Amino acid sequence: MTRLISRICWLLDQTLAAMLALMVVLVFGNVVLRYAFNSGISVSEELSRWLFVWMTFMGAVVALHERAHLGTDMLVGRLGPAGRKVCLAISYLAMLGICWLIFRGSLDQTRINWETTSAVMEVPVAGFYACGVVFAVLASCILVLDLLRLLRGEMAESELQMFQESEERPHQDDTKAH
């Protein structure tokens, strides 16, 4: 299952890059068309907004998998391994609860807006809210697997931190000459 999640996250990375490229083309193209030709791409603004929301949610899944969210460990850093494990288990349970709330709310909004179409693209607005459902399912899978690893004692002590301290990549060695 871990390998499947890693492959899904790799696929999400590729999809996020394509979405970002499409957003750049749409927005830049629209700006050029408006100022140079007094014209524009009608779907540019709406599609860019949808892509941005999907990128945010899917990027959060990838960041969760890579433990790339920023954070601080002022309290947890002072605890021993047992205290860190308890705090991590509590945080996993809290995040799973939040994923459930996001799932229910997004699913309700998706159902409500199934018949409603967007103003410009004229596609069901349910596609906009479905990103919350996809996020909640994928994030929950990651969290449940990590929680099971924690409870089985398979998680290394270095993994008892759900985030990184700075925007620098972990294991990055800045002393190497390029």
N, C-alpha and C. Protein backbone atom coordinates (compact mmCIF):
# COMPACT_ATOMS: atom_id res chain seq x y z
N MET A 1 0.82 -1.20 0.00
CA MET A 1 0.00 0.00 0.00
C MET A 1 0.87 1.26 0.00
N THR A 2 1.99 1.19 0.72
CA THR A 2 2.90 2.34 0.76
C THR A 2 3.44 2.64 -0.63
N ARG A 3 3.75 1.60 -1.38
CA ARG A 3 4.26 1.78 -2.74
C ARG A 3 3.19 2.41 -3.63
N LEU A 4 1.94 2.00 -3.46
CA LEU A 4 0.84 2.57 -4.23
C LEU A 4 0.68 4.06 -3.93
N ILE A 5 0.75 4.42 -2.66
CA ILE A 5 0.63 5.83 -2.28
C ILE A 5 1.81 6.63 -2.84
N SER A 6 3.00 6.06 -2.82
CA SER A 6 4.16 6.75 -3.40
C SER A 6 3.97 6.98 -4.90
N ARG A 7 3.43 5.99 -5.58
CA ARG A 7 3.17 6.15 -7.03
C ARG A 7 2.09 7.19 -7.29
N ILE A 8 1.05 7.18 -6.47
CA ILE A 8 -0.01 8.18 -6.62
C ILE A 8 0.56 9.57 -6.39
N CYS A 9 1.42 9.73 -5.39
CA CYS A 9 2.02 11.04 -5.12
C CYS A 9 2.94 11.46 -6.25
N TRP A 10 3.66 10.51 -6.86
CA TRP A 10 4.50 10.84 -8.01
C TRP A 10 3.61 11.31 -9.17
N LEU A 11 2.51 10.61 -9.39
CA LEU A 11 1.58 11.01 -10.44
C LEU A 11 0.97 12.38 -10.13
N LEU A 12 0.65 12.63 -8.88
CA LEU A 12 0.14 13.94 -8.49
C LEU A 12 1.17 15.03 -8.74
N ASP A 13 2.44 14.75 -8.45
CA ASP A 13 3.52 15.72 -8.73
C ASP A 13 3.53 16.10 -10.21
N GLN A 14 3.45 15.10 -11.07
CA GLN A 14 3.45 15.36 -12.50
C GLN A 14 2.21 16.14 -12.93
N THR A 15 1.08 15.77 -12.36
CA THR A 15 -0.17 16.47 -12.68
C THR A 15 -0.14 17.91 -12.19
N LEU A 16 0.42 18.12 -11.00
CA LEU A 16 0.53 19.48 -10.46
C LEU A 16 1.40 20.35 -11.36
N ALA A 17 2.48 19.79 -11.87
CA ALA A 17 3.35 20.55 -12.77
C ALA A 17 2.60 20.93 -14.05
N ALA A 18 1.83 20.00 -14.58
CA ALA A 18 1.06 20.28 -15.79
C ALA A 18 -0.02 21.33 -15.52
N MET A 19 -0.66 21.23 -14.36
CA MET A 19 -1.69 22.21 -14.00
C MET A 19 -1.10 23.61 -13.86
N LEU A 20 0.06 23.68 -13.23
CA LEU A 20 0.72 24.97 -13.06
C LEU A 20 1.11 25.56 -14.42
N ALA A 21 1.64 24.73 -15.29
CA ALA A 21 2.00 25.20 -16.63
C ALA A 21 0.77 25.71 -17.38
N LEU A 22 -0.32 24.97 -17.28
CA LEU A 22 -1.56 25.40 -17.94
C LEU A 22 -2.06 26.72 -17.36
N MET A 23 -1.97 26.87 -16.05
CA MET A 23 -2.40 28.13 -15.42
C MET A 23 -1.56 29.30 -15.91
N VAL A 24 -0.25 29.10 -16.01
CA VAL A 24 0.64 30.17 -16.48
C VAL A 24 0.27 30.56 -17.90
N VAL A 25 0.08 29.57 -18.76
CA VAL A 25 -0.28 29.86 -20.15
C VAL A 25 -1.62 30.59 -20.22
N LEU A 26 -2.60 30.12 -19.47
CA LEU A 26 -3.92 30.75 -19.51
C LEU A 26 -3.89 32.19 -19.01
N VAL A 27 -3.28 32.40 -17.88
CA VAL A 27 -3.27 33.75 -17.30
C VAL A 27 -2.41 34.69 -18.12
N PHE A 28 -1.20 34.25 -18.48
CA PHE A 28 -0.32 35.11 -19.27
C PHE A 28 -0.94 35.39 -20.64
N GLY A 29 -1.49 34.35 -21.26
CA GLY A 29 -2.13 34.54 -22.56
C GLY A 29 -3.29 35.50 -22.48
N ASN A 30 -4.06 35.40 -21.43
CA ASN A 30 -5.21 36.29 -21.25
C ASN A 30 -4.77 37.74 -21.06
N VAL A 31 -3.70 37.94 -20.29
CA VAL A 31 -3.18 39.30 -20.07
C VAL A 31 -2.71 39.89 -21.39
N VAL A 32 -1.95 39.13 -22.15
CA VAL A 32 -1.44 39.61 -23.44
C VAL A 32 -2.60 39.92 -24.38
N LEU A 33 -3.57 39.03 -24.44
CA LEU A 33 -4.71 39.26 -25.33
C LEU A 33 -5.51 40.48 -24.93
N ARG A 34 -5.67 40.70 -23.64
CA ARG A 34 -6.46 41.86 -23.19
C ARG A 34 -5.76 43.18 -23.49
N TYR A 35 -4.46 43.24 -23.21
CA TYR A 35 -3.76 44.50 -23.41
C TYR A 35 -3.36 44.74 -24.85
N ALA A 36 -3.02 43.71 -25.58
CA ALA A 36 -2.55 43.90 -26.95
C ALA A 36 -3.68 43.88 -27.98
N PHE A 37 -4.70 43.07 -27.75
CA PHE A 37 -5.73 42.89 -28.77
C PHE A 37 -7.14 43.20 -28.28
N ASN A 38 -7.25 43.70 -27.05
CA ASN A 38 -8.56 44.02 -26.47
C ASN A 38 -9.51 42.82 -26.58
N SER A 39 -8.97 41.65 -26.31
CA SER A 39 -9.71 40.40 -26.39
C SER A 39 -9.37 39.57 -25.16
N GLY A 40 -9.71 38.32 -25.15
CA GLY A 40 -9.35 37.47 -24.02
C GLY A 40 -9.87 36.06 -24.17
N ILE A 41 -9.39 35.19 -23.32
CA ILE A 41 -9.84 33.80 -23.28
C ILE A 41 -10.92 33.74 -22.21
N SER A 42 -12.14 33.44 -22.62
CA SER A 42 -13.26 33.53 -21.68
C SER A 42 -13.15 32.54 -20.52
N VAL A 43 -12.61 31.36 -20.74
CA VAL A 43 -12.55 30.36 -19.67
C VAL A 43 -11.30 30.52 -18.80
N SER A 44 -10.42 31.44 -19.14
CA SER A 44 -9.14 31.55 -18.46
C SER A 44 -9.27 31.76 -16.95
N GLU A 45 -10.08 32.72 -16.54
CA GLU A 45 -10.18 33.03 -15.11
C GLU A 45 -10.82 31.88 -14.33
N GLU A 46 -11.90 31.35 -14.85
CA GLU A 46 -12.61 30.29 -14.13
C GLU A 46 -11.78 29.00 -14.07
N LEU A 47 -11.19 28.61 -15.18
CA LEU A 47 -10.39 27.39 -15.21
C LEU A 47 -9.14 27.54 -14.33
N SER A 48 -8.53 28.71 -14.35
CA SER A 48 -7.36 28.95 -13.50
C SER A 48 -7.73 28.85 -12.02
N ARG A 49 -8.87 29.36 -11.66
CA ARG A 49 -9.33 29.28 -10.27
C ARG A 49 -9.55 27.83 -9.87
N TRP A 50 -10.19 27.05 -10.73
CA TRP A 50 -10.42 25.62 -10.45
C TRP A 50 -9.08 24.88 -10.33
N LEU A 51 -8.18 25.14 -11.27
CA LEU A 51 -6.87 24.49 -11.23
C LEU A 51 -6.12 24.84 -9.95
N PHE A 52 -6.21 26.10 -9.53
CA PHE A 52 -5.52 26.53 -8.31
C PHE A 52 -6.05 25.79 -7.08
N VAL A 53 -7.36 25.65 -6.99
CA VAL A 53 -7.95 24.95 -5.85
C VAL A 53 -7.53 23.48 -5.87
N TRP A 54 -7.59 22.83 -7.03
CA TRP A 54 -7.17 21.43 -7.13
C TRP A 54 -5.68 21.29 -6.81
N MET A 55 -4.87 22.23 -7.28
CA MET A 55 -3.43 22.19 -6.99
C MET A 55 -3.17 22.31 -5.49
N THR A 56 -3.92 23.16 -4.83
CA THR A 56 -3.75 23.35 -3.39
C THR A 56 -4.04 22.06 -2.62
N PHE A 57 -5.16 21.45 -2.93
CA PHE A 57 -5.54 20.23 -2.21
C PHE A 57 -4.63 19.05 -2.55
N MET A 58 -4.30 18.88 -3.83
CA MET A 58 -3.45 17.75 -4.20
C MET A 58 -2.00 17.98 -3.75
N GLY A 59 -1.57 19.23 -3.74
CA GLY A 59 -0.25 19.56 -3.21
C GLY A 59 -0.16 19.27 -1.72
N ALA A 60 -1.26 19.47 -1.02
CA ALA A 60 -1.29 19.16 0.41
C ALA A 60 -1.14 17.65 0.65
N VAL A 61 -1.70 16.85 -0.25
CA VAL A 61 -1.55 15.38 -0.14
C VAL A 61 -0.09 15.00 -0.31
N VAL A 62 0.56 15.55 -1.33
CA VAL A 62 1.97 15.25 -1.58
C VAL A 62 2.83 15.72 -0.41
N ALA A 63 2.55 16.91 0.10
CA ALA A 63 3.31 17.43 1.24
C ALA A 63 3.11 16.57 2.49
N LEU A 64 1.91 16.06 2.68
CA LEU A 64 1.66 15.17 3.81
C LEU A 64 2.47 13.89 3.67
N HIS A 65 2.48 13.34 2.48
CA HIS A 65 3.24 12.11 2.23
C HIS A 65 4.74 12.32 2.43
N GLU A 66 5.24 13.47 2.01
CA GLU A 66 6.67 13.76 2.11
C GLU A 66 7.04 14.41 3.44
N ARG A 67 6.06 14.62 4.31
CA ARG A 67 6.27 15.30 5.59
C ARG A 67 6.93 16.67 5.36
N ALA A 68 6.42 17.39 4.42
CA ALA A 68 7.02 18.65 4.00
C ALA A 68 6.31 19.88 4.55
N HIS A 69 5.28 19.70 5.36
CA HIS A 69 4.62 20.86 5.97
C HIS A 69 5.56 21.50 6.99
N LEU A 70 5.50 22.81 7.06
CA LEU A 70 6.33 23.52 8.03
C LEU A 70 5.69 23.44 9.40
N GLY A 71 6.50 23.45 10.44
CA GLY A 71 5.96 23.40 11.78
C GLY A 71 7.04 23.69 12.81
N THR A 72 6.67 23.58 14.05
CA THR A 72 7.61 23.78 15.13
C THR A 72 7.38 22.69 16.18
N ASP A 73 8.42 22.38 16.92
CA ASP A 73 8.30 21.33 17.93
C ASP A 73 8.71 21.83 19.31
N MET A 74 8.30 23.04 19.66
CA MET A 74 8.66 23.62 20.96
C MET A 74 8.25 22.71 22.11
N LEU A 75 7.08 22.15 22.05
CA LEU A 75 6.61 21.29 23.13
C LEU A 75 7.06 19.85 22.92
N VAL A 76 6.78 19.31 21.75
CA VAL A 76 7.06 17.90 21.47
C VAL A 76 8.55 17.62 21.49
N GLY A 77 9.37 18.57 21.10
CA GLY A 77 10.82 18.39 21.11
C GLY A 77 11.39 18.18 22.50
N ARG A 78 10.68 18.61 23.51
CA ARG A 78 11.14 18.45 24.90
C ARG A 78 10.73 17.11 25.50
N LEU A 79 9.89 16.38 24.79
CA LEU A 79 9.41 15.10 25.31
C LEU A 79 10.35 13.97 24.89
N GLY A 80 10.27 12.89 25.60
CA GLY A 80 11.02 11.70 25.25
C GLY A 80 10.32 10.96 24.12
N PRO A 81 10.89 9.84 23.67
CA PRO A 81 10.28 9.07 22.57
C PRO A 81 8.85 8.63 22.85
N ALA A 82 8.56 8.20 24.08
CA ALA A 82 7.19 7.76 24.40
C ALA A 82 6.21 8.94 24.32
N GLY A 83 6.59 10.09 24.82
CA GLY A 83 5.74 11.27 24.75
C GLY A 83 5.52 11.73 23.31
N ARG A 84 6.56 11.65 22.51
CA ARG A 84 6.44 12.01 21.09
C ARG A 84 5.48 11.07 20.39
N LYS A 85 5.57 9.78 20.70
CA LYS A 85 4.68 8.81 20.07
C LYS A 85 3.23 9.07 20.44
N VAL A 86 2.97 9.39 21.70
CA VAL A 86 1.61 9.68 22.14
C VAL A 86 1.09 10.94 21.43
N CYS A 87 1.90 11.97 21.40
CA CYS A 87 1.49 13.22 20.73
C CYS A 87 1.26 12.99 19.23
N LEU A 88 2.11 12.18 18.61
CA LEU A 88 1.94 11.89 17.19
C LEU A 88 0.66 11.10 16.95
N ALA A 89 0.38 10.13 17.81
CA ALA A 89 -0.85 9.35 17.66
C ALA A 89 -2.07 10.25 17.82
N ILE A 90 -2.04 11.15 18.79
CA ILE A 90 -3.15 12.08 18.99
C ILE A 90 -3.31 12.99 17.77
N SER A 91 -2.19 13.46 17.22
CA SER A 91 -2.27 14.34 16.04
C SER A 91 -2.81 13.59 14.83
N TYR A 92 -2.42 12.30 14.66
CA TYR A 92 -2.97 11.50 13.57
C TYR A 92 -4.48 11.35 13.72
N LEU A 93 -4.94 11.08 14.93
CA LEU A 93 -6.37 10.93 15.16
C LEU A 93 -7.12 12.23 14.91
N ALA A 94 -6.53 13.35 15.33
CA ALA A 94 -7.15 14.66 15.08
C ALA A 94 -7.21 14.95 13.58
N MET A 95 -6.12 14.64 12.87
CA MET A 95 -6.12 14.89 11.42
C MET A 95 -7.10 13.98 10.70
N LEU A 96 -7.25 12.74 11.17
CA LEU A 96 -8.25 11.85 10.58
C LEU A 96 -9.66 12.39 10.82
N GLY A 97 -9.90 12.96 11.99
CA GLY A 97 -11.19 13.59 12.26
C GLY A 97 -11.45 14.77 11.33
N ILE A 98 -10.43 15.56 11.11
CA ILE A 98 -10.58 16.70 10.19
C ILE A 98 -10.80 16.22 8.76
N CYS A 99 -10.09 15.16 8.37
CA CYS A 99 -10.31 14.58 7.03
C CYS A 99 -11.75 14.11 6.88
N TRP A 100 -12.31 13.53 7.94
CA TRP A 100 -13.70 13.10 7.90
C TRP A 100 -14.63 14.30 7.69
N LEU A 101 -14.37 15.40 8.41
CA LEU A 101 -15.20 16.60 8.24
C LEU A 101 -15.08 17.17 6.83
N ILE A 102 -13.87 17.22 6.31
CA ILE A 102 -13.67 17.71 4.93
C ILE A 102 -14.39 16.79 3.94
N PHE A 103 -14.26 15.48 4.16
CA PHE A 103 -14.91 14.52 3.28
C PHE A 103 -16.42 14.71 3.26
N ARG A 104 -17.04 14.77 4.45
CA ARG A 104 -18.49 14.92 4.52
C ARG A 104 -18.96 16.24 3.90
N GLY A 105 -18.27 17.32 4.24
CA GLY A 105 -18.66 18.62 3.70
C GLY A 105 -18.49 18.69 2.19
N SER A 106 -17.37 18.18 1.70
CA SER A 106 -17.11 18.21 0.26
C SER A 106 -18.07 17.30 -0.49
N LEU A 107 -18.35 16.13 0.10
CA LEU A 107 -19.29 15.21 -0.54
C LEU A 107 -20.68 15.82 -0.60
N ASP A 108 -21.10 16.47 0.48
CA ASP A 108 -22.40 17.14 0.47
C ASP A 108 -22.45 18.23 -0.58
N GLN A 109 -21.39 19.05 -0.67
CA GLN A 109 -21.36 20.12 -1.67
C GLN A 109 -21.31 19.56 -3.09
N THR A 110 -20.58 18.45 -3.26
CA THR A 110 -20.51 17.82 -4.58
C THR A 110 -21.90 17.35 -5.01
N ARG A 111 -22.61 16.70 -4.09
CA ARG A 111 -23.97 16.23 -4.40
C ARG A 111 -24.92 17.40 -4.68
N ILE A 112 -24.84 18.44 -3.86
CA ILE A 112 -25.73 19.60 -4.03
C ILE A 112 -25.50 20.26 -5.38
N ASN A 113 -24.25 20.35 -5.81
CA ASN A 113 -23.90 21.08 -7.03
C ASN A 113 -23.75 20.20 -8.26
N TRP A 114 -24.24 18.97 -8.20
CA TRP A 114 -24.10 18.05 -9.33
C TRP A 114 -24.83 18.57 -10.56
N GLU A 115 -25.96 19.19 -10.37
CA GLU A 115 -26.78 19.67 -11.49
C GLU A 115 -26.48 21.13 -11.85
N THR A 116 -25.75 21.82 -10.99
CA THR A 116 -25.42 23.23 -11.23
C THR A 116 -24.20 23.31 -12.12
N THR A 117 -24.26 24.16 -13.14
CA THR A 117 -23.11 24.32 -14.03
C THR A 117 -22.42 25.65 -13.75
N SER A 118 -21.13 25.69 -14.04
CA SER A 118 -20.35 26.91 -13.83
C SER A 118 -20.75 27.95 -14.88
N ALA A 119 -20.48 29.19 -14.57
CA ALA A 119 -20.93 30.30 -15.41
C ALA A 119 -20.31 30.30 -16.80
N VAL A 120 -19.01 30.06 -16.88
CA VAL A 120 -18.33 30.20 -18.16
C VAL A 120 -18.08 28.84 -18.83
N MET A 121 -17.51 27.91 -18.09
CA MET A 121 -17.16 26.62 -18.68
C MET A 121 -18.38 25.72 -18.87
N GLU A 122 -19.44 25.99 -18.13
CA GLU A 122 -20.68 25.23 -18.19
C GLU A 122 -20.47 23.74 -17.93
N VAL A 123 -19.64 23.45 -16.92
CA VAL A 123 -19.45 22.08 -16.44
C VAL A 123 -20.01 22.01 -15.02
N PRO A 124 -20.35 20.83 -14.54
CA PRO A 124 -20.91 20.74 -13.19
C PRO A 124 -19.97 21.31 -12.13
N VAL A 125 -20.49 22.14 -11.26
CA VAL A 125 -19.72 22.75 -10.19
C VAL A 125 -19.27 21.68 -9.19
N ALA A 126 -19.88 20.52 -9.26
CA ALA A 126 -19.49 19.41 -8.38
C ALA A 126 -18.01 19.09 -8.54
N GLY A 127 -17.46 19.28 -9.73
CA GLY A 127 -16.03 19.03 -9.97
C GLY A 127 -15.14 19.94 -9.15
N PHE A 128 -15.62 21.11 -8.83
CA PHE A 128 -14.86 22.04 -8.00
C PHE A 128 -14.76 21.52 -6.57
N TYR A 129 -15.89 21.02 -6.04
CA TYR A 129 -15.94 20.55 -4.66
C TYR A 129 -15.39 19.13 -4.50
N ALA A 130 -15.29 18.41 -5.58
CA ALA A 130 -14.79 17.03 -5.52
C ALA A 130 -13.34 16.96 -5.06
N CYS A 131 -12.60 18.04 -5.21
CA CYS A 131 -11.20 18.03 -4.78
C CYS A 131 -11.09 17.78 -3.28
N GLY A 132 -12.06 18.23 -2.51
CA GLY A 132 -12.06 17.96 -1.07
C GLY A 132 -12.28 16.50 -0.77
N VAL A 133 -13.12 15.84 -1.55
CA VAL A 133 -13.36 14.41 -1.38
C VAL A 133 -12.09 13.63 -1.69
N VAL A 134 -11.47 13.95 -2.83
CA VAL A 134 -10.24 13.25 -3.23
C VAL A 134 -9.15 13.49 -2.19
N PHE A 135 -9.00 14.74 -1.74
CA PHE A 135 -8.00 15.04 -0.73
C PHE A 135 -8.24 14.23 0.54
N ALA A 136 -9.47 14.22 1.04
CA ALA A 136 -9.77 13.54 2.29
C ALA A 136 -9.49 12.05 2.20
N VAL A 137 -9.82 11.44 1.08
CA VAL A 137 -9.58 10.00 0.91
C VAL A 137 -8.08 9.71 0.87
N LEU A 138 -7.34 10.46 0.05
CA LEU A 138 -5.90 10.21 -0.08
C LEU A 138 -5.15 10.53 1.22
N ALA A 139 -5.49 11.65 1.83
CA ALA A 139 -4.83 12.02 3.09
C ALA A 139 -5.14 11.01 4.18
N SER A 140 -6.37 10.53 4.23
CA SER A 140 -6.74 9.54 5.24
C SER A 140 -5.95 8.25 5.06
N CYS A 141 -5.76 7.84 3.83
CA CYS A 141 -4.96 6.63 3.57
C CYS A 141 -3.54 6.80 4.10
N ILE A 142 -2.94 7.93 3.82
CA ILE A 142 -1.58 8.20 4.29
C ILE A 142 -1.54 8.21 5.81
N LEU A 143 -2.51 8.88 6.43
CA LEU A 143 -2.54 9.00 7.89
C LEU A 143 -2.78 7.65 8.56
N VAL A 144 -3.69 6.86 8.02
CA VAL A 144 -3.98 5.54 8.62
C VAL A 144 -2.75 4.64 8.52
N LEU A 145 -2.09 4.63 7.36
CA LEU A 145 -0.88 3.81 7.22
C LEU A 145 0.21 4.25 8.19
N ASP A 146 0.41 5.56 8.32
CA ASP A 146 1.42 6.05 9.25
C ASP A 146 1.03 5.75 10.70
N LEU A 147 -0.25 5.88 11.02
CA LEU A 147 -0.71 5.56 12.38
C LEU A 147 -0.49 4.08 12.69
N LEU A 148 -0.78 3.22 11.73
CA LEU A 148 -0.55 1.79 11.94
C LEU A 148 0.93 1.49 12.12
N ARG A 149 1.78 2.14 11.34
CA ARG A 149 3.22 1.97 11.51
C ARG A 149 3.67 2.42 12.90
N LEU A 150 3.11 3.53 13.37
CA LEU A 150 3.44 4.03 14.70
C LEU A 150 3.00 3.05 15.78
N LEU A 151 1.78 2.55 15.68
CA LEU A 151 1.24 1.65 16.69
C LEU A 151 1.96 0.30 16.71
N ARG A 152 2.45 -0.13 15.55
CA ARG A 152 3.20 -1.39 15.47
C ARG A 152 4.65 -1.24 15.89
N GLY A 153 5.07 -0.01 16.09
CA GLY A 153 6.46 0.24 16.47
C GLY A 153 7.42 0.20 15.29
N GLU A 154 6.92 0.35 14.08
CA GLU A 154 7.74 0.30 12.88
C GLU A 154 8.30 1.66 12.48
N MET A 155 7.92 2.70 13.21
CA MET A 155 8.34 4.05 12.85
C MET A 155 9.63 4.40 13.60
N ALA A 156 10.62 4.84 12.85
CA ALA A 156 11.90 5.22 13.46
C ALA A 156 11.72 6.49 14.29
N GLU A 157 12.61 6.68 15.24
CA GLU A 157 12.52 7.85 16.12
C GLU A 157 12.63 9.15 15.32
N SER A 158 13.39 9.12 14.23
CA SER A 158 13.53 10.32 13.40
C SER A 158 12.24 10.68 12.67
N GLU A 159 11.31 9.73 12.57
CA GLU A 159 10.04 9.96 11.89
C GLU A 159 8.95 10.46 12.83
N LEU A 160 9.26 10.62 14.09
CA LEU A 160 8.25 11.04 15.07
C LEU A 160 7.93 12.52 14.96
N GLN A 161 8.41 13.15 13.94
CA GLN A 161 8.15 14.57 13.68
C GLN A 161 7.41 14.64 12.35
N MET A 162 6.22 15.23 12.33
CA MET A 162 5.37 15.25 11.15
C MET A 162 5.70 16.36 10.16
N PHE A 163 6.74 17.11 10.39
CA PHE A 163 6.99 18.29 9.57
C PHE A 163 8.48 18.53 9.49
N GLN A 164 8.85 19.59 8.79
CA GLN A 164 10.24 20.02 8.78
C GLN A 164 10.31 21.43 9.34
N GLU A 165 11.45 21.77 9.93
CA GLU A 165 11.60 23.06 10.63
C GLU A 165 11.66 24.26 9.69
N SER A 166 12.25 24.10 8.51
CA SER A 166 12.40 25.23 7.61
C SER A 166 12.04 24.80 6.20
N GLU A 167 12.10 25.73 5.29
CA GLU A 167 11.78 25.41 3.91
C GLU A 167 12.91 24.65 3.22
N GLU A 168 14.05 24.53 3.88
CA GLU A 168 15.14 23.73 3.33
C GLU A 168 14.71 22.28 3.30
N ARG A 169 15.08 21.57 2.27
CA ARG A 169 14.76 20.16 2.17
C ARG A 169 15.52 19.38 3.23
N PRO A 170 14.90 18.39 3.86
CA PRO A 170 15.65 17.56 4.81
C PRO A 170 16.74 16.78 4.08
N HIS A 171 17.81 16.51 4.77
CA HIS A 171 18.95 15.77 4.24
C HIS A 171 19.69 16.54 3.15
N GLN A 172 19.45 17.83 3.05
CA GLN A 172 20.12 18.64 2.05
C GLN A 172 21.44 19.12 2.64
N ASP A 173 22.53 18.90 1.94
CA ASP A 173 23.84 19.28 2.45
C ASP A 173 24.32 20.52 1.71
N ASP A 174 24.26 21.68 2.40
CA ASP A 174 24.62 22.94 1.78
C ASP A 174 26.14 23.16 1.72
N THR A 175 26.91 22.27 2.36
CA THR A 175 28.35 22.46 2.38
C THR A 175 29.04 21.90 1.15
N LYS A 176 28.31 21.15 0.34
CA LYS A 176 28.92 20.58 -0.87
C LYS A 176 29.15 21.67 -1.91
N ALA A 177 30.26 21.58 -2.58
CA ALA A 177 30.56 22.52 -3.66
C ALA A 177 29.87 22.03 -4.92
N HIS A 178 29.32 22.95 -5.64
CA HIS A 178 28.60 22.58 -6.88
C HIS A 178 29.50 22.76 -8.06
